[in-house]
Amino acid sequence: MTRATDQSTSTLPHPELRSWMHERIPLPIESRENRERRYARLEGEERITHLLLTRFMKVVHLPKYRWIWYRFMMRVANVYFKLVHRLEVRGLENIPKNGSIFYLLHNGDYDVIYFLGAFKEPTGVFTDVGNGFFADFLERFYGFVTRRGTRDVMVEKMIRAITTINRYFVIWPEGSPSRDAVPMEAFSGIIRVYSTINVDKDRIPFQPVLMRGSETILHKNSRRKWKILVEFLKPFYIPREWLKKPEEGGKTPREIINALMLVLARKVGFTTLKKNFALERRRQAEGRPWRE
């Protein structure tokens, strides 16, 4: 969250969901003055998006019809990807109706939009979509979670997005694209999310998703139209023994996320995870906001 002088806090939804991995916290409410100052600092494309979207929302009553617009835009994207990238989607029958936490390897610059166009149904996303009105709108109405604030704030936002807005949520735990498409170590925040939501019983499973083809589009000026394949693998729940404290026989968030990432890594021919330098930098800056 951006710094705010307003110290009021939001209500804590589902307070019964608590895990040793994450202490539930109220989220600071940003004052209107601070929010306006943040918007005033926007530059370039982000400022243009801010200006256009605020006007577009008023014309089409976007908040009221947000799910209709979402499905419409994703179906347009789906058709486009099928025509241009020969998009193929497999394993839709594996998606549980009660929800999933999808996780993928992050190999291409456009992984988020490729996935959303392939899935089509409303889903929350952990992603970096800027610091302006567009990011705020996606968080409030669609369950997106942006890289803003400390780890505990972002984990809390993901828990709330899944339990109050969207039963589906997607994340690329590596954080940034692997330029050589070799699977990397991942951030463990989503394990803290899972352990809190499933603290007393299995509610929402993890679901690995393979995306092939996006790794060939590593640079935004690439003109080659590669085929994109998105495959939903079978969902699974983490063994409940793993969710106990390590001193009680459980596993650490790091051990669990490594196990999850190796599921995908083995599918693409790797048995180990390479070092993630972004993760190393965040370890050295523990407790500091991602974005000042």
Protein backbone atom coordinates (compact mmCIF):
# COMPACT_ATOMS: atom_id res chain seq x y z
CA MET A 1 0.00 0.00 0.00
CA THR A 2 1.10 3.57 -0.49
CA ARG A 3 1.85 5.50 2.65
CA ALA A 4 -1.19 7.24 4.08
CA THR A 5 -1.87 9.49 7.03
CA ASP A 6 -5.32 7.94 7.46
CA GLN A 7 -4.82 5.22 10.08
CA SER A 8 -8.32 3.76 9.87
CA THR A 9 -8.49 0.06 8.98
CA SER A 10 -10.76 -2.19 6.98
CA THR A 11 -12.88 -4.96 8.46
CA LEU A 12 -11.19 -8.35 8.66
CA PRO A 13 -13.25 -10.83 6.58
CA HIS A 14 -13.38 -14.47 7.64
CA PRO A 15 -11.41 -13.91 10.86
CA GLU A 16 -11.70 -17.64 11.60
CA LEU A 17 -9.15 -18.35 8.86
CA ARG A 18 -5.78 -18.13 10.59
CA SER A 19 -2.52 -19.94 9.99
CA TRP A 20 0.87 -19.96 11.71
CA MET A 21 2.33 -19.01 8.32
CA HIS A 22 0.46 -15.70 8.15
CA GLU A 23 -0.88 -13.41 10.85
CA ARG A 24 -4.12 -11.87 9.60
CA ILE A 25 -3.91 -8.09 9.45
CA PRO A 26 -6.32 -5.22 8.78
CA LEU A 27 -5.46 -3.31 5.62
CA PRO A 28 -4.76 0.43 5.87
CA ILE A 29 -7.31 2.58 4.09
CA GLU A 30 -5.63 5.14 1.88
CA SER A 31 -6.96 8.66 2.27
CA ARG A 32 -8.52 10.30 -0.75
CA GLU A 33 -5.88 13.02 -0.68
CA ASN A 34 -3.03 10.52 -0.82
CA ARG A 35 -4.74 8.58 -3.59
CA GLU A 36 -5.16 11.74 -5.67
CA ARG A 37 -1.52 12.64 -5.15
CA ARG A 38 -0.55 9.14 -6.30
CA TYR A 39 -2.62 9.52 -9.45
CA ALA A 40 -1.10 12.94 -10.12
CA ARG A 41 2.39 11.38 -10.22
CA LEU A 42 1.49 8.99 -13.03
CA GLU A 43 3.40 9.37 -16.28
CA GLY A 44 3.37 8.08 -19.84
CA GLU A 45 1.13 5.15 -20.77
CA GLU A 46 -0.08 4.69 -17.21
CA ARG A 47 -1.38 8.26 -17.07
CA ILE A 48 -3.12 7.89 -20.45
CA THR A 49 -4.75 4.63 -19.27
CA HIS A 50 -5.87 6.40 -16.10
CA LEU A 51 -7.53 9.24 -18.03
CA LEU A 52 -9.18 7.00 -20.62
CA LEU A 53 -10.50 4.44 -18.16
CA THR A 54 -12.06 6.97 -15.81
CA ARG A 55 -14.05 8.37 -18.73
CA PHE A 56 -14.88 4.94 -20.15
CA MET A 57 -16.26 3.79 -16.80
CA LYS A 58 -18.69 6.69 -16.64
CA VAL A 59 -20.00 6.06 -20.16
CA VAL A 60 -20.59 2.29 -19.90
CA HIS A 61 -21.30 2.03 -16.15
CA LEU A 62 -18.42 -0.42 -15.91
CA PRO A 63 -18.63 -1.26 -12.17
CA LYS A 64 -22.30 -2.27 -12.50
CA TYR A 65 -21.72 -4.51 -15.53
CA ARG A 66 -18.12 -5.50 -14.74
CA TRP A 67 -18.59 -9.27 -15.11
CA ILE A 68 -20.38 -8.89 -18.44
CA TRP A 69 -17.56 -6.70 -19.73
CA TYR A 70 -14.92 -9.05 -18.35
CA ARG A 71 -16.34 -12.09 -20.12
CA PHE A 72 -16.82 -10.12 -23.32
CA MET A 73 -13.21 -8.87 -23.36
CA MET A 74 -11.76 -12.30 -22.54
CA ARG A 75 -13.77 -13.95 -25.28
CA VAL A 76 -12.50 -11.35 -27.73
CA ALA A 77 -8.95 -12.11 -26.55
CA ASN A 78 -9.64 -15.84 -26.89
CA VAL A 79 -10.74 -15.48 -30.50
CA TYR A 80 -7.75 -13.26 -31.30
CA PHE A 81 -5.27 -15.73 -29.78
CA LYS A 82 -6.86 -18.62 -31.64
CA LEU A 83 -6.57 -16.76 -34.94
CA VAL A 84 -3.12 -15.27 -34.44
CA HIS A 85 -1.35 -17.76 -32.13
CA ARG A 86 -3.41 -20.90 -32.84
CA LEU A 87 -4.25 -21.00 -29.11
CA GLU A 88 -5.06 -24.50 -27.87
CA VAL A 89 -6.50 -25.15 -24.41
CA ARG A 90 -6.49 -28.59 -22.80
CA GLY A 91 -7.70 -29.97 -19.48
CA LEU A 92 -10.62 -27.64 -18.83
CA GLU A 93 -12.45 -30.66 -17.40
CA ASN A 94 -9.85 -30.73 -14.61
CA ILE A 95 -10.91 -27.36 -13.21
CA PRO A 96 -12.96 -27.81 -10.01
CA LYS A 97 -16.16 -25.82 -9.71
CA ASN A 98 -15.43 -24.71 -6.15
CA GLY A 99 -12.33 -22.82 -7.27
CA SER A 100 -8.59 -23.24 -7.79
CA ILE A 101 -5.34 -21.46 -7.16
CA PHE A 102 -3.67 -21.76 -10.56
CA TYR A 103 0.10 -21.47 -10.68
CA LEU A 104 2.37 -21.37 -13.73
CA LEU A 105 5.97 -21.02 -14.83
CA HIS A 106 6.68 -17.45 -15.93
CA ASN A 107 8.45 -17.52 -19.27
CA GLY A 108 7.00 -14.75 -21.44
CA ASP A 109 6.17 -11.07 -21.24
CA TYR A 110 2.50 -11.64 -22.04
CA ASP A 111 1.78 -14.69 -19.89
CA VAL A 112 -1.00 -13.00 -17.92
CA ILE A 113 -3.14 -11.98 -20.88
CA TYR A 114 -2.55 -15.32 -22.64
CA PHE A 115 -3.82 -17.17 -19.58
CA LEU A 116 -6.83 -14.91 -19.06
CA GLY A 117 -7.79 -15.26 -22.72
CA ALA A 118 -7.46 -19.04 -22.50
CA PHE A 119 -9.44 -19.42 -19.26
CA LYS A 120 -12.02 -16.70 -20.09
CA GLU A 121 -13.86 -16.98 -16.78
CA PRO A 122 -13.36 -14.32 -14.07
CA THR A 123 -10.25 -14.94 -12.01
CA GLY A 124 -8.13 -12.91 -9.65
CA VAL A 125 -4.50 -12.35 -10.60
CA PHE A 126 -1.32 -11.46 -8.76
CA THR A 127 0.48 -9.16 -11.16
CA ASP A 128 2.08 -5.78 -11.63
CA VAL A 129 -0.39 -3.52 -13.42
CA GLY A 130 0.95 -0.19 -12.30
CA ASN A 131 0.24 2.25 -9.51
CA GLY A 132 -2.76 4.16 -10.80
CA PHE A 133 -6.51 4.04 -11.13
CA PHE A 134 -6.42 1.00 -13.44
CA ALA A 135 -4.64 -1.08 -10.80
CA ASP A 136 -7.05 0.12 -8.09
CA PHE A 137 -10.05 -0.71 -10.26
CA LEU A 138 -8.83 -4.26 -10.95
CA GLU A 139 -8.16 -4.84 -7.25
CA ARG A 140 -11.52 -3.54 -6.07
CA PHE A 141 -13.82 -5.11 -8.64
CA TYR A 142 -12.00 -8.16 -10.04
CA GLY A 143 -9.84 -9.49 -7.22
CA PHE A 144 -6.50 -8.59 -8.80
CA VAL A 145 -3.64 -8.06 -6.36
CA THR A 146 -0.88 -5.68 -7.36
CA ARG A 147 2.72 -5.59 -6.17
CA ARG A 148 2.20 -2.81 -3.69
CA GLY A 149 3.03 -2.94 0.00
CA THR A 150 4.89 -5.45 2.15
CA ARG A 151 4.58 -9.22 1.80
CA ASP A 152 2.03 -9.45 4.62
CA VAL A 153 -0.20 -6.86 2.92
CA MET A 154 -0.09 -8.67 -0.43
CA VAL A 155 -0.74 -12.06 1.20
CA GLU A 156 -3.71 -10.61 3.07
CA LYS A 157 -5.08 -9.11 -0.16
CA MET A 158 -4.83 -12.47 -1.93
CA ILE A 159 -6.68 -14.21 0.90
CA ARG A 160 -9.48 -11.65 0.68
CA ALA A 161 -9.62 -11.78 -3.11
CA ILE A 162 -10.13 -15.56 -3.07
CA THR A 163 -12.59 -15.66 -0.18
CA THR A 164 -14.71 -12.62 -1.07
CA ILE A 165 -14.41 -11.83 -4.82
CA ASN A 166 -13.17 -14.72 -6.97
CA ARG A 167 -13.03 -18.43 -6.25
CA TYR A 168 -10.32 -18.68 -8.93
CA PHE A 169 -6.92 -17.04 -8.58
CA VAL A 170 -3.80 -17.25 -10.75
CA ILE A 171 -0.19 -16.51 -9.91
CA TRP A 172 3.26 -16.81 -11.48
CA PRO A 173 5.32 -17.47 -8.32
CA GLU A 174 8.68 -16.81 -9.99
CA GLY A 175 7.70 -13.13 -10.06
CA SER A 176 9.33 -12.20 -13.37
CA PRO A 177 9.94 -14.05 -16.65
CA SER A 178 12.79 -16.54 -16.86
CA ARG A 179 14.56 -15.32 -19.98
CA ASP A 180 16.07 -18.71 -20.77
CA ALA A 181 12.85 -20.57 -19.83
CA VAL A 182 14.65 -22.52 -17.07
CA PRO A 183 12.35 -22.84 -14.02
CA MET A 184 13.43 -20.65 -11.09
CA GLU A 185 12.96 -20.69 -7.34
CA ALA A 186 9.70 -18.99 -6.46
CA PHE A 187 8.31 -16.57 -3.90
CA SER A 188 6.48 -18.42 -1.12
CA GLY A 189 3.66 -15.95 -0.41
CA ILE A 190 1.03 -18.06 -2.16
CA ILE A 191 1.78 -20.92 0.27
CA ARG A 192 0.87 -18.61 3.14
CA VAL A 193 -2.35 -17.77 1.31
CA TYR A 194 -3.19 -21.44 0.78
CA SER A 195 -2.40 -22.44 4.37
CA THR A 196 -4.70 -19.72 5.72
CA ILE A 197 -7.66 -20.50 3.45
CA ASN A 198 -7.31 -24.27 4.04
CA VAL A 199 -6.30 -24.02 7.68
CA ASP A 200 -8.92 -26.42 9.11
CA LYS A 201 -10.07 -28.31 6.01
CA ASP A 202 -9.42 -28.59 2.27
CA ARG A 203 -11.34 -25.77 0.55
CA ILE A 204 -9.46 -24.54 -2.54
CA PRO A 205 -6.76 -26.69 -4.22
CA PHE A 206 -3.64 -25.76 -6.10
CA GLN A 207 -3.79 -26.44 -9.82
CA PRO A 208 -0.62 -26.49 -11.95
CA VAL A 209 -1.00 -25.09 -15.46
CA LEU A 210 1.47 -25.60 -18.30
CA MET A 211 1.81 -22.82 -20.85
CA ARG A 212 3.92 -23.63 -23.87
CA GLY A 213 4.82 -21.20 -26.62
CA SER A 214 4.85 -18.01 -24.58
CA GLU A 215 8.50 -18.62 -23.71
CA THR A 216 9.40 -17.92 -27.35
CA ILE A 217 8.05 -14.39 -27.00
CA LEU A 218 10.67 -13.16 -24.60
CA HIS A 219 11.01 -9.69 -26.07
CA LYS A 220 8.16 -7.29 -26.69
CA ASN A 221 9.33 -6.55 -30.23
CA SER A 222 9.05 -10.18 -31.31
CA ARG A 223 7.03 -10.48 -34.52
CA ARG A 224 6.85 -14.26 -34.72
CA LYS A 225 3.41 -15.71 -34.10
CA TRP A 226 4.06 -18.89 -32.15
CA LYS A 227 1.42 -21.39 -31.18
CA ILE A 228 0.29 -21.06 -27.56
CA LEU A 229 -0.76 -24.19 -25.64
CA VAL A 230 -2.37 -23.87 -22.21
CA GLU A 231 -2.91 -27.14 -20.34
CA PHE A 232 -4.72 -27.38 -17.00
CA LEU A 233 -3.28 -30.28 -15.02
CA LYS A 234 -5.14 -32.06 -12.25
CA PRO A 235 -5.64 -30.04 -9.03
CA PHE A 236 -4.33 -31.27 -5.71
CA TYR A 237 -4.35 -30.43 -2.03
CA ILE A 238 -1.15 -30.15 -0.03
CA PRO A 239 -0.88 -33.00 2.54
CA ARG A 240 -2.29 -31.64 5.76
CA GLU A 241 0.77 -32.85 7.66
CA TRP A 242 2.84 -30.38 5.65
CA LEU A 243 0.80 -27.44 6.96
CA LYS A 244 1.84 -28.02 10.56
CA LYS A 245 4.67 -26.04 12.13
CA PRO A 246 8.09 -27.53 11.27
CA GLU A 247 8.71 -28.39 14.92
CA GLU A 248 5.48 -30.43 14.80
CA GLY A 249 6.53 -32.36 11.71
CA GLY A 250 5.36 -29.88 9.06
CA LYS A 251 7.25 -28.13 6.28
CA THR A 252 8.33 -24.55 5.78
CA PRO A 253 6.72 -22.35 3.08
CA ARG A 254 10.03 -22.56 1.17
CA GLU A 255 10.00 -26.35 1.16
CA ILE A 256 6.38 -26.44 0.01
CA ILE A 257 6.74 -23.92 -2.82
CA ASN A 258 9.86 -25.74 -4.07
CA ALA A 259 7.87 -28.98 -4.20
CA LEU A 260 5.07 -27.27 -6.14
CA MET A 261 7.43 -25.65 -8.63
CA LEU A 262 9.19 -28.95 -9.28
CA VAL A 263 5.87 -30.41 -10.39
CA LEU A 264 5.90 -27.97 -13.32
CA ALA A 265 9.68 -28.08 -13.80
CA ARG A 266 9.64 -31.85 -14.35
CA LYS A 267 6.89 -31.46 -16.94
CA VAL A 268 9.25 -29.35 -19.06
CA GLY A 269 12.33 -31.51 -18.51
CA PHE A 270 14.07 -30.08 -15.42
CA THR A 271 14.72 -31.69 -12.03
CA THR A 272 16.09 -28.64 -10.20
CA LEU A 273 15.25 -24.94 -9.88
CA LYS A 274 17.79 -22.26 -10.71
CA LYS A 275 18.48 -19.30 -8.42
CA ASN A 276 16.00 -16.43 -8.67
CA PHE A 277 17.94 -13.17 -8.26
CA ALA A 278 14.75 -11.15 -7.76
CA LEU A 279 13.91 -13.43 -4.83
CA GLU A 280 17.39 -12.89 -3.38
CA ARG A 281 16.95 -9.10 -3.56
CA ARG A 282 13.60 -9.31 -1.79
CA ARG A 283 15.10 -11.44 0.98
CA GLN A 284 17.62 -8.68 1.62
CA ALA A 285 14.82 -6.08 1.71
CA GLU A 286 12.46 -8.05 3.99
CA GLY A 287 9.70 -5.87 5.43
CA ARG A 288 10.09 -3.03 2.93
CA PRO A 289 7.29 -2.15 0.49
CA TRP A 290 7.68 -3.33 -3.07
CA ARG A 291 6.84 0.15 -4.24
CA GLU A 292 7.43 3.28 -2.24
